[in-house]
Amino acid sequence: KKLLWLLPKQKVLLYKAWDQIPYDNISPSKHIQTSRLATLYYINSSKKEKNIVLTTINAIIQKTIPKKILENNLVNISVNKKIEIDKLIFLLIKLGYERTSLVRDKSEFAVRGSIIDIFLPQFDKPIRIDLFDDDIESIFVFDPITQKRIKKSSLKNFTLNPSSELIIDSENLETFRVNFRSKFQKYRKSQVYELFSTGSLPSGGEQFLPLFYNELQTLFDYCENYQLLLHNDAIQLFEERTENLNDFYDARINSNDNFYLNPNSFFI
């Protein structure tokens, strides 16, 4: 808030850390996931703009979806363009959106006849696509509470981007299978492996993100030409977090109750 007051014309972005305990079989909240994706999307799509990114040690040391993967999964949707509902539904699910009866929160979508509602990570309000057969007649913003159209909110187009760092498609699934069998051969009949193999996301499945891509990247890769300003305690906080992650990992490994990835595969 202070930065916005001092620099009212400057774009200030937040990059948050996942909010679950490392190696827990609980997924990070959708709010956190969509917030991270919105920031990564904005940084990557506004390379000529001067942005300020506020983050934490916990967030910045965690690796994320590679830029190339993010870019390859951006889809432009515009008025007068043809689109098949079934293919759009498949695409939304692949990109991490959740199908609901009514769209109220980010990363949700709903289909009612020829109307498709989507709440994108980078938008403050959801959008509604009105179709005539397979033709997009109109796109506009609506209020998630009243579900009514907001006046003068028509859009000519928008970019559909991932709402999750983990994109489950055939190519990434094959990468996952190969990597999983290489690291956890004796667990190849586990529920986690079986669920992923059917295209489903098990609870806490995001911790297997490193197995889906040949190489992860970090916020630094997205902010190549940014200047870095660190808090005085940054190095100490980094060391404490690293020790904390190693402790969590050692505790899980020593319990022999499951399989986990070494912190080096997921963190700087």
C-alpha atoms as a PDB file:
ATOM      1  CA  LYS A   1       0.000   0.000   0.000  1.00  0.00           C
ATOM      2  CA  LYS A   2       2.873   2.366   0.763  1.00  0.00           C
ATOM      3  CA  LEU A   3       4.435   1.655  -2.625  1.00  0.00           C
ATOM      4  CA  LEU A   4       1.140   2.283  -4.390  1.00  0.00           C
ATOM      5  CA  TRP A   5       0.845   5.580  -2.557  1.00  0.00           C
ATOM      6  CA  LEU A   6       4.419   6.601  -3.400  1.00  0.00           C
ATOM      7  CA  LEU A   7       4.265   5.302  -6.979  1.00  0.00           C
ATOM      8  CA  PRO A   8       0.605   5.510  -8.041  1.00  0.00           C
ATOM      9  CA  LYS A   9       1.379   4.847 -11.722  1.00  0.00           C
ATOM     10  CA  GLN A  10       3.673   1.898 -11.036  1.00  0.00           C
ATOM     11  CA  LYS A  11       2.435  -1.668 -11.374  1.00  0.00           C
ATOM     12  CA  VAL A  12       3.114  -3.527  -8.113  1.00  0.00           C
ATOM     13  CA  LEU A  13       2.844  -7.319  -8.273  1.00  0.00           C
ATOM     14  CA  LEU A  14       2.820  -9.870  -5.459  1.00  0.00           C
ATOM     15  CA  TYR A  15       4.489 -13.259  -5.794  1.00  0.00           C
ATOM     16  CA  LYS A  16       3.429 -15.465  -2.896  1.00  0.00           C
ATOM     17  CA  ALA A  17       4.727 -18.759  -1.535  1.00  0.00           C
ATOM     18  CA  TRP A  18       2.599 -21.874  -1.396  1.00  0.00           C
ATOM     19  CA  ASP A  19       0.660 -21.944   1.857  1.00  0.00           C
ATOM     20  CA  GLN A  20       0.881 -25.615   2.779  1.00  0.00           C
ATOM     21  CA  ILE A  21       3.531 -27.464   4.791  1.00  0.00           C
ATOM     22  CA  PRO A  22       6.279 -28.860   2.518  1.00  0.00           C
ATOM     23  CA  TYR A  23       5.774 -32.535   1.625  1.00  0.00           C
ATOM     24  CA  ASP A  24       2.227 -32.503   3.000  1.00  0.00           C
ATOM     25  CA  ASN A  25      -0.455 -34.293   0.986  1.00  0.00           C
ATOM     26  CA  ILE A  26      -2.475 -31.088   0.823  1.00  0.00           C
ATOM     27  CA  SER A  27      -2.573 -28.814  -2.194  1.00  0.00           C
ATOM     28  CA  PRO A  28      -1.771 -25.100  -1.931  1.00  0.00           C
ATOM     29  CA  SER A  29      -4.907 -22.961  -1.857  1.00  0.00           C
ATOM     30  CA  LYS A  30      -6.415 -21.926  -5.179  1.00  0.00           C
ATOM     31  CA  HIS A  31      -6.063 -18.294  -4.135  1.00  0.00           C
ATOM     32  CA  ILE A  32      -2.291 -18.685  -3.847  1.00  0.00           C
ATOM     33  CA  GLN A  33      -1.960 -20.704  -7.041  1.00  0.00           C
ATOM     34  CA  THR A  34      -3.939 -18.249  -9.159  1.00  0.00           C
ATOM     35  CA  SER A  35      -2.123 -15.288  -7.616  1.00  0.00           C
ATOM     36  CA  ARG A  36       1.265 -16.776  -8.547  1.00  0.00           C
ATOM     37  CA  LEU A  37       0.139 -17.564 -12.108  1.00  0.00           C
ATOM     38  CA  ALA A  38      -1.344 -14.091 -12.556  1.00  0.00           C
ATOM     39  CA  THR A  39       1.981 -12.523 -11.545  1.00  0.00           C
ATOM     40  CA  LEU A  40       4.051 -14.800 -13.784  1.00  0.00           C
ATOM     41  CA  TYR A  41       1.686 -14.156 -16.691  1.00  0.00           C
ATOM     42  CA  TYR A  42       1.819 -10.392 -16.226  1.00  0.00           C
ATOM     43  CA  ILE A  43       5.625 -10.305 -15.939  1.00  0.00           C
ATOM     44  CA  ASN A  44       6.012 -12.439 -19.040  1.00  0.00           C
ATOM     45  CA  SER A  45       3.497 -10.461 -21.113  1.00  0.00           C
ATOM     46  CA  SER A  46       4.742  -6.994 -20.124  1.00  0.00           C
ATOM     47  CA  LYS A  47       8.484  -7.292 -20.667  1.00  0.00           C
ATOM     48  CA  LYS A  48       8.807  -3.665 -21.787  1.00  0.00           C
ATOM     49  CA  GLU A  49       7.064  -2.296 -18.710  1.00  0.00           C
ATOM     50  CA  LYS A  50       8.778  -1.394 -15.451  1.00  0.00           C
ATOM     51  CA  ASN A  51       7.100  -3.460 -12.772  1.00  0.00           C
ATOM     52  CA  ILE A  52       7.771  -3.897  -9.080  1.00  0.00           C
ATOM     53  CA  VAL A  53       7.512  -7.465  -7.775  1.00  0.00           C
ATOM     54  CA  LEU A  54       7.188  -8.002  -4.028  1.00  0.00           C
ATOM     55  CA  THR A  55       7.959 -11.486  -2.777  1.00  0.00           C
ATOM     56  CA  THR A  56       9.362 -13.514   0.113  1.00  0.00           C
ATOM     57  CA  ILE A  57      12.297 -15.868   0.569  1.00  0.00           C
ATOM     58  CA  ASN A  58       9.895 -18.818   0.762  1.00  0.00           C
ATOM     59  CA  ALA A  59       8.396 -17.886  -2.600  1.00  0.00           C
ATOM     60  CA  ILE A  60      11.521 -16.871  -4.460  1.00  0.00           C
ATOM     61  CA  ILE A  61      13.524 -20.030  -3.726  1.00  0.00           C
ATOM     62  CA  GLN A  62      10.740 -22.313  -4.975  1.00  0.00           C
ATOM     63  CA  LYS A  63      11.008 -23.359  -8.608  1.00  0.00           C
ATOM     64  CA  THR A  64       8.009 -23.026 -10.889  1.00  0.00           C
ATOM     65  CA  ILE A  65       6.580 -23.700 -14.333  1.00  0.00           C
ATOM     66  CA  PRO A  66       9.078 -22.982 -17.152  1.00  0.00           C
ATOM     67  CA  LYS A  67       8.449 -19.846 -19.206  1.00  0.00           C
ATOM     68  CA  LYS A  68       8.292 -21.836 -22.428  1.00  0.00           C
ATOM     69  CA  ILE A  69       5.561 -24.095 -21.044  1.00  0.00           C
ATOM     70  CA  LEU A  70       3.560 -21.085 -19.854  1.00  0.00           C
ATOM     71  CA  GLU A  71       3.907 -19.350 -23.221  1.00  0.00           C
ATOM     72  CA  ASN A  72       2.919 -22.476 -25.149  1.00  0.00           C
ATOM     73  CA  ASN A  73      -0.306 -22.738 -23.141  1.00  0.00           C
ATOM     74  CA  LEU A  74      -1.610 -19.227 -23.762  1.00  0.00           C
ATOM     75  CA  VAL A  75      -4.721 -19.184 -25.952  1.00  0.00           C
ATOM     76  CA  ASN A  76      -6.212 -16.060 -27.516  1.00  0.00           C
ATOM     77  CA  ILE A  77     -10.006 -16.051 -27.577  1.00  0.00           C
ATOM     78  CA  SER A  78     -11.777 -13.310 -29.523  1.00  0.00           C
ATOM     79  CA  VAL A  79     -15.207 -12.244 -30.751  1.00  0.00           C
ATOM     80  CA  ASN A  80     -16.269 -13.744 -34.118  1.00  0.00           C
ATOM     81  CA  LYS A  81     -13.818 -16.594 -33.648  1.00  0.00           C
ATOM     82  CA  LYS A  82     -15.059 -20.184 -33.804  1.00  0.00           C
ATOM     83  CA  ILE A  83     -14.654 -22.427 -30.787  1.00  0.00           C
ATOM     84  CA  GLU A  84     -16.076 -25.841 -29.899  1.00  0.00           C
ATOM     85  CA  ILE A  85     -17.459 -26.050 -26.364  1.00  0.00           C
ATOM     86  CA  ASP A  86     -16.180 -29.593 -25.757  1.00  0.00           C
ATOM     87  CA  LYS A  87     -12.655 -28.633 -26.821  1.00  0.00           C
ATOM     88  CA  LEU A  88     -12.758 -25.505 -24.645  1.00  0.00           C
ATOM     89  CA  ILE A  89     -13.885 -27.545 -21.624  1.00  0.00           C
ATOM     90  CA  PHE A  90     -11.035 -30.003 -22.195  1.00  0.00           C
ATOM     91  CA  LEU A  91      -8.583 -27.100 -22.490  1.00  0.00           C
ATOM     92  CA  LEU A  92      -9.823 -25.400 -19.308  1.00  0.00           C
ATOM     93  CA  ILE A  93      -9.477 -28.595 -17.276  1.00  0.00           C
ATOM     94  CA  LYS A  94      -5.977 -29.163 -18.678  1.00  0.00           C
ATOM     95  CA  LEU A  95      -4.981 -25.638 -17.638  1.00  0.00           C
ATOM     96  CA  GLY A  96      -6.124 -26.231 -14.060  1.00  0.00           C
ATOM     97  CA  TYR A  97      -9.601 -24.673 -14.037  1.00  0.00           C
ATOM     98  CA  GLU A  98     -12.360 -26.267 -11.972  1.00  0.00           C
ATOM     99  CA  ARG A  99     -15.837 -26.769 -13.392  1.00  0.00           C
ATOM    100  CA  THR A 100     -18.643 -25.501 -11.144  1.00  0.00           C
ATOM    101  CA  SER A 101     -22.350 -24.706 -11.457  1.00  0.00           C
ATOM    102  CA  LEU A 102     -21.740 -20.989 -10.779  1.00  0.00           C
ATOM    103  CA  VAL A 103     -18.495 -19.069 -11.173  1.00  0.00           C
ATOM    104  CA  ARG A 104     -17.619 -17.097  -8.055  1.00  0.00           C
ATOM    105  CA  ASP A 105     -13.883 -17.577  -7.493  1.00  0.00           C
ATOM    106  CA  LYS A 106     -10.775 -17.436  -9.625  1.00  0.00           C
ATOM    107  CA  SER A 107      -9.842 -20.564 -11.573  1.00  0.00           C
ATOM    108  CA  GLU A 108     -13.482 -21.658 -11.923  1.00  0.00           C
ATOM    109  CA  PHE A 109     -15.563 -22.097 -15.061  1.00  0.00           C
ATOM    110  CA  ALA A 110     -19.177 -22.994 -15.802  1.00  0.00           C
ATOM    111  CA  VAL A 111     -21.076 -24.004 -18.920  1.00  0.00           C
ATOM    112  CA  ARG A 112     -24.805 -23.400 -19.368  1.00  0.00           C
ATOM    113  CA  GLY A 113     -26.016 -24.075 -22.876  1.00  0.00           C
ATOM    114  CA  SER A 114     -24.270 -21.600 -25.176  1.00  0.00           C
ATOM    115  CA  ILE A 115     -22.856 -19.525 -22.293  1.00  0.00           C
ATOM    116  CA  ILE A 116     -19.395 -20.114 -20.834  1.00  0.00           C
ATOM    117  CA  ASP A 117     -18.218 -18.316 -17.681  1.00  0.00           C
ATOM    118  CA  ILE A 118     -14.518 -18.201 -16.781  1.00  0.00           C
ATOM    119  CA  PHE A 119     -12.685 -16.509 -13.900  1.00  0.00           C
ATOM    120  CA  LEU A 120      -9.117 -15.879 -15.077  1.00  0.00           C
ATOM    121  CA  PRO A 121      -6.227 -15.544 -12.588  1.00  0.00           C
ATOM    122  CA  GLN A 122      -5.229 -12.115 -13.947  1.00  0.00           C
ATOM    123  CA  PHE A 123      -8.764 -10.629 -13.845  1.00  0.00           C
ATOM    124  CA  ASP A 124     -10.583  -9.072 -10.886  1.00  0.00           C
ATOM    125  CA  LYS A 125     -13.956 -10.267 -12.159  1.00  0.00           C
ATOM    126  CA  PRO A 126     -15.065 -13.230 -14.284  1.00  0.00           C
ATOM    127  CA  ILE A 127     -15.919 -13.050 -17.977  1.00  0.00           C
ATOM    128  CA  ARG A 128     -18.822 -14.511 -19.928  1.00  0.00           C
ATOM    129  CA  ILE A 129     -18.610 -15.875 -23.461  1.00  0.00           C
ATOM    130  CA  ASP A 130     -21.857 -15.949 -25.448  1.00  0.00           C
ATOM    131  CA  LEU A 131     -21.908 -18.367 -28.376  1.00  0.00           C
ATOM    132  CA  PHE A 132     -24.110 -18.806 -31.417  1.00  0.00           C
ATOM    133  CA  ASP A 133     -23.407 -22.346 -32.561  1.00  0.00           C
ATOM    134  CA  ASP A 134     -19.574 -22.347 -32.540  1.00  0.00           C
ATOM    135  CA  ASP A 135     -19.203 -18.599 -33.137  1.00  0.00           C
ATOM    136  CA  ILE A 136     -18.285 -16.281 -30.269  1.00  0.00           C
ATOM    137  CA  GLU A 137     -20.913 -13.524 -30.395  1.00  0.00           C
ATOM    138  CA  SER A 138     -19.806 -11.511 -27.368  1.00  0.00           C
ATOM    139  CA  ILE A 139     -17.417 -11.433 -24.423  1.00  0.00           C
ATOM    140  CA  PHE A 140     -18.096  -9.314 -21.364  1.00  0.00           C
ATOM    141  CA  VAL A 141     -17.346  -9.014 -17.647  1.00  0.00           C
ATOM    142  CA  PHE A 142     -19.943  -9.918 -15.029  1.00  0.00           C
ATOM    143  CA  ASP A 143     -20.402  -9.591 -11.281  1.00  0.00           C
ATOM    144  CA  PRO A 144     -19.692 -12.929  -9.518  1.00  0.00           C
ATOM    145  CA  ILE A 145     -22.179 -12.120  -6.746  1.00  0.00           C
ATOM    146  CA  THR A 146     -25.196 -10.999  -8.783  1.00  0.00           C
ATOM    147  CA  GLN A 147     -24.122 -12.968 -11.884  1.00  0.00           C
ATOM    148  CA  LYS A 148     -25.246  -9.952 -13.918  1.00  0.00           C
ATOM    149  CA  ARG A 149     -23.381  -8.288 -16.749  1.00  0.00           C
ATOM    150  CA  ILE A 150     -21.403  -5.172 -15.868  1.00  0.00           C
ATOM    151  CA  LYS A 151     -22.293  -2.231 -18.097  1.00  0.00           C
ATOM    152  CA  LYS A 152     -19.786  -1.142 -20.724  1.00  0.00           C
ATOM    153  CA  SER A 153     -17.596  -4.171 -20.047  1.00  0.00           C
ATOM    154  CA  SER A 154     -17.494  -5.718 -23.515  1.00  0.00           C
ATOM    155  CA  LEU A 155     -14.194  -7.252 -24.580  1.00  0.00           C
ATOM    156  CA  LYS A 156     -12.959  -7.934 -28.086  1.00  0.00           C
ATOM    157  CA  ASN A 157     -10.618 -10.655 -26.890  1.00  0.00           C
ATOM    158  CA  PHE A 158      -8.722 -12.076 -23.927  1.00  0.00           C
ATOM    159  CA  THR A 159      -5.881 -14.490 -23.255  1.00  0.00           C
ATOM    160  CA  LEU A 160      -6.738 -17.778 -21.590  1.00  0.00           C
ATOM    161  CA  ASN A 161      -3.750 -18.738 -19.456  1.00  0.00           C
ATOM    162  CA  PRO A 162      -2.994 -21.574 -17.003  1.00  0.00           C
ATOM    163  CA  SER A 163      -4.382 -21.312 -13.478  1.00  0.00           C
ATOM    164  CA  SER A 164      -2.005 -23.959 -12.135  1.00  0.00           C
ATOM    165  CA  GLU A 165       1.740 -24.480 -12.368  1.00  0.00           C
ATOM    166  CA  LEU A 166       1.060 -28.143 -13.062  1.00  0.00           C
ATOM    167  CA  ILE A 167      -0.374 -28.668 -16.554  1.00  0.00           C
ATOM    168  CA  ILE A 168      -1.590 -32.213 -17.056  1.00  0.00           C
ATOM    169  CA  ASP A 169      -1.502 -33.043 -20.762  1.00  0.00           C
ATOM    170  CA  SER A 170      -0.304 -36.099 -22.692  1.00  0.00           C
ATOM    171  CA  GLU A 171       3.249 -34.824 -23.179  1.00  0.00           C
ATOM    172  CA  ASN A 172       3.745 -33.761 -19.564  1.00  0.00           C
ATOM    173  CA  LEU A 173       2.138 -36.983 -18.330  1.00  0.00           C
ATOM    174  CA  GLU A 174       4.603 -39.053 -20.306  1.00  0.00           C
ATOM    175  CA  THR A 175       7.466 -37.005 -18.825  1.00  0.00           C
ATOM    176  CA  PHE A 176       5.982 -37.626 -15.369  1.00  0.00           C
ATOM    177  CA  ARG A 177       5.704 -41.387 -15.912  1.00  0.00           C
ATOM    178  CA  VAL A 178       9.300 -41.704 -17.084  1.00  0.00           C
ATOM    179  CA  ASN A 179      10.664 -39.577 -14.231  1.00  0.00           C
ATOM    180  CA  PHE A 180       8.487 -41.233 -11.593  1.00  0.00           C
ATOM    181  CA  ARG A 181       9.485 -44.769 -12.602  1.00  0.00           C
ATOM    182  CA  SER A 182      13.123 -43.702 -12.667  1.00  0.00           C
ATOM    183  CA  LYS A 183      13.045 -42.290  -9.127  1.00  0.00           C
ATOM    184  CA  PHE A 184      10.346 -44.382  -7.432  1.00  0.00           C
ATOM    185  CA  GLN A 185      10.293 -47.717  -9.268  1.00  0.00           C
ATOM    186  CA  LYS A 186       8.820 -49.674  -6.357  1.00  0.00           C
ATOM    187  CA  TYR A 187       5.937 -47.166  -6.051  1.00  0.00           C
ATOM    188  CA  ARG A 188       4.785 -47.442  -9.676  1.00  0.00           C
ATOM    189  CA  LYS A 189       1.507 -49.021  -8.488  1.00  0.00           C
ATOM    190  CA  SER A 190       0.859 -46.292  -5.927  1.00  0.00           C
ATOM    191  CA  GLN A 191      -2.380 -44.315  -5.869  1.00  0.00           C
ATOM    192  CA  VAL A 192      -0.492 -41.133  -6.781  1.00  0.00           C
ATOM    193  CA  TYR A 193       0.942 -42.718  -9.923  1.00  0.00           C
ATOM    194  CA  GLU A 194      -2.401 -44.268 -10.883  1.00  0.00           C
ATOM    195  CA  LEU A 195      -4.332 -41.008 -10.425  1.00  0.00           C
ATOM    196  CA  PHE A 196      -1.856 -38.941 -12.398  1.00  0.00           C
ATOM    197  CA  SER A 197      -1.805 -41.560 -15.153  1.00  0.00           C
ATOM    198  CA  THR A 198      -5.564 -41.129 -15.621  1.00  0.00           C
ATOM    199  CA  GLY A 199      -5.175 -37.353 -15.850  1.00  0.00           C
ATOM    200  CA  SER A 200      -6.407 -36.678 -12.306  1.00  0.00           C
ATOM    201  CA  LEU A 201      -4.660 -34.519  -9.718  1.00  0.00           C
ATOM    202  CA  PRO A 202      -4.304 -36.193  -6.300  1.00  0.00           C
ATOM    203  CA  SER A 203      -4.420 -34.054  -3.184  1.00  0.00           C
ATOM    204  CA  GLY A 204      -0.975 -32.560  -2.678  1.00  0.00           C
ATOM    205  CA  GLY A 205       0.046 -33.669  -6.160  1.00  0.00           C
ATOM    206  CA  GLU A 206       1.668 -30.304  -6.848  1.00  0.00           C
ATOM    207  CA  GLN A 207       4.732 -31.473  -4.901  1.00  0.00           C
ATOM    208  CA  PHE A 208       5.523 -33.706  -7.909  1.00  0.00           C
ATOM    209  CA  LEU A 209       5.821 -30.683 -10.210  1.00  0.00           C
ATOM    210  CA  PRO A 210       9.545 -31.381 -10.935  1.00  0.00           C
ATOM    211  CA  LEU A 211       8.583 -34.710 -12.510  1.00  0.00           C
ATOM    212  CA  PHE A 212       6.313 -33.089 -15.110  1.00  0.00           C
ATOM    213  CA  TYR A 213       8.879 -30.824 -16.753  1.00  0.00           C
ATOM    214  CA  ASN A 214      12.423 -31.561 -17.857  1.00  0.00           C
ATOM    215  CA  GLU A 215      13.608 -28.459 -16.027  1.00  0.00           C
ATOM    216  CA  LEU A 216      11.878 -25.999 -13.711  1.00  0.00           C
ATOM    217  CA  GLN A 217      12.610 -22.278 -13.569  1.00  0.00           C
ATOM    218  CA  THR A 218      12.415 -19.592 -10.901  1.00  0.00           C
ATOM    219  CA  LEU A 219      11.068 -16.079 -10.553  1.00  0.00           C
ATOM    220  CA  PHE A 220      14.572 -14.879 -11.470  1.00  0.00           C
ATOM    221  CA  ASP A 221      14.161 -16.441 -14.926  1.00  0.00           C
ATOM    222  CA  TYR A 222      10.972 -14.452 -15.468  1.00  0.00           C
ATOM    223  CA  CYS A 223      12.554 -11.226 -14.168  1.00  0.00           C
ATOM    224  CA  GLU A 224      15.745 -11.338 -16.222  1.00  0.00           C
ATOM    225  CA  ASN A 225      16.253  -7.568 -16.514  1.00  0.00           C
ATOM    226  CA  TYR A 226      14.923  -6.598 -13.099  1.00  0.00           C
ATOM    227  CA  GLN A 227      17.015  -5.046 -10.351  1.00  0.00           C
ATOM    228  CA  LEU A 228      17.109  -7.066  -7.152  1.00  0.00           C
ATOM    229  CA  LEU A 229      16.661  -5.433  -3.750  1.00  0.00           C
ATOM    230  CA  LEU A 230      17.026  -7.666  -0.693  1.00  0.00           C
ATOM    231  CA  HIS A 231      16.025  -7.219   2.918  1.00  0.00           C
ATOM    232  CA  ASN A 232      18.936  -7.025   5.369  1.00  0.00           C
ATOM    233  CA  ASP A 233      18.029 -10.443   6.769  1.00  0.00           C
ATOM    234  CA  ALA A 234      17.581 -12.138   3.372  1.00  0.00           C
ATOM    235  CA  ILE A 235      20.622 -14.421   3.602  1.00  0.00           C
ATOM    236  CA  GLN A 236      19.761 -15.533   7.124  1.00  0.00           C
ATOM    237  CA  LEU A 237      16.140 -16.175   6.100  1.00  0.00           C
ATOM    238  CA  PHE A 238      17.330 -18.162   3.088  1.00  0.00           C
ATOM    239  CA  GLU A 239      19.574 -20.353   5.253  1.00  0.00           C
ATOM    240  CA  GLU A 240      16.797 -20.898   7.794  1.00  0.00           C
ATOM    241  CA  ARG A 241      14.304 -21.846   5.093  1.00  0.00           C
ATOM    242  CA  THR A 242      16.773 -24.236   3.464  1.00  0.00           C
ATOM    243  CA  GLU A 243      17.437 -25.925   6.803  1.00  0.00           C
ATOM    244  CA  ASN A 244      13.704 -26.085   7.437  1.00  0.00           C
ATOM    245  CA  LEU A 245      13.047 -27.775   4.079  1.00  0.00           C
ATOM    246  CA  ASN A 246      15.810 -30.320   4.677  1.00  0.00           C
ATOM    247  CA  ASP A 247      14.349 -31.110   8.102  1.00  0.00           C
ATOM    248  CA  PHE A 248      10.897 -31.698   6.600  1.00  0.00           C
ATOM    249  CA  TYR A 249      12.404 -33.945   3.935  1.00  0.00           C
ATOM    250  CA  ASP A 250      14.522 -35.961   6.389  1.00  0.00           C
ATOM    251  CA  ALA A 251      11.540 -36.487   8.695  1.00  0.00           C
ATOM    252  CA  ARG A 252       9.437 -37.878   5.825  1.00  0.00           C
ATOM    253  CA  ILE A 253      12.216 -40.082   4.452  1.00  0.00           C
ATOM    254  CA  ASN A 254      13.052 -41.512   7.871  1.00  0.00           C
ATOM    255  CA  SER A 255       9.414 -42.404   8.488  1.00  0.00           C
ATOM    256  CA  ASN A 256       9.446 -44.732   5.435  1.00  0.00           C
ATOM    257  CA  ASP A 257       5.736 -44.067   4.904  1.00  0.00           C
ATOM    258  CA  ASN A 258       5.905 -42.569   1.428  1.00  0.00           C
ATOM    259  CA  PHE A 259       8.099 -41.233  -1.398  1.00  0.00           C
ATOM    260  CA  TYR A 260       9.353 -37.675  -1.684  1.00  0.00           C
ATOM    261  CA  LEU A 261      11.545 -35.571  -3.950  1.00  0.00           C
ATOM    262  CA  ASN A 262      14.814 -34.144  -2.683  1.00  0.00           C
ATOM    263  CA  PRO A 263      14.489 -30.399  -1.913  1.00  0.00           C
ATOM    264  CA  ASN A 264      17.154 -29.663  -4.541  1.00  0.00           C
ATOM    265  CA  SER A 265      14.721 -30.654  -7.281  1.00  0.00           C
ATOM    266  CA  PHE A 266      12.118 -28.110  -6.182  1.00  0.00           C
ATOM    267  CA  PHE A 267      14.045 -25.324  -4.473  1.00  0.00           C
ATOM    268  CA  ILE A 268      17.106 -23.205  -5.193  1.00  0.00           C
END
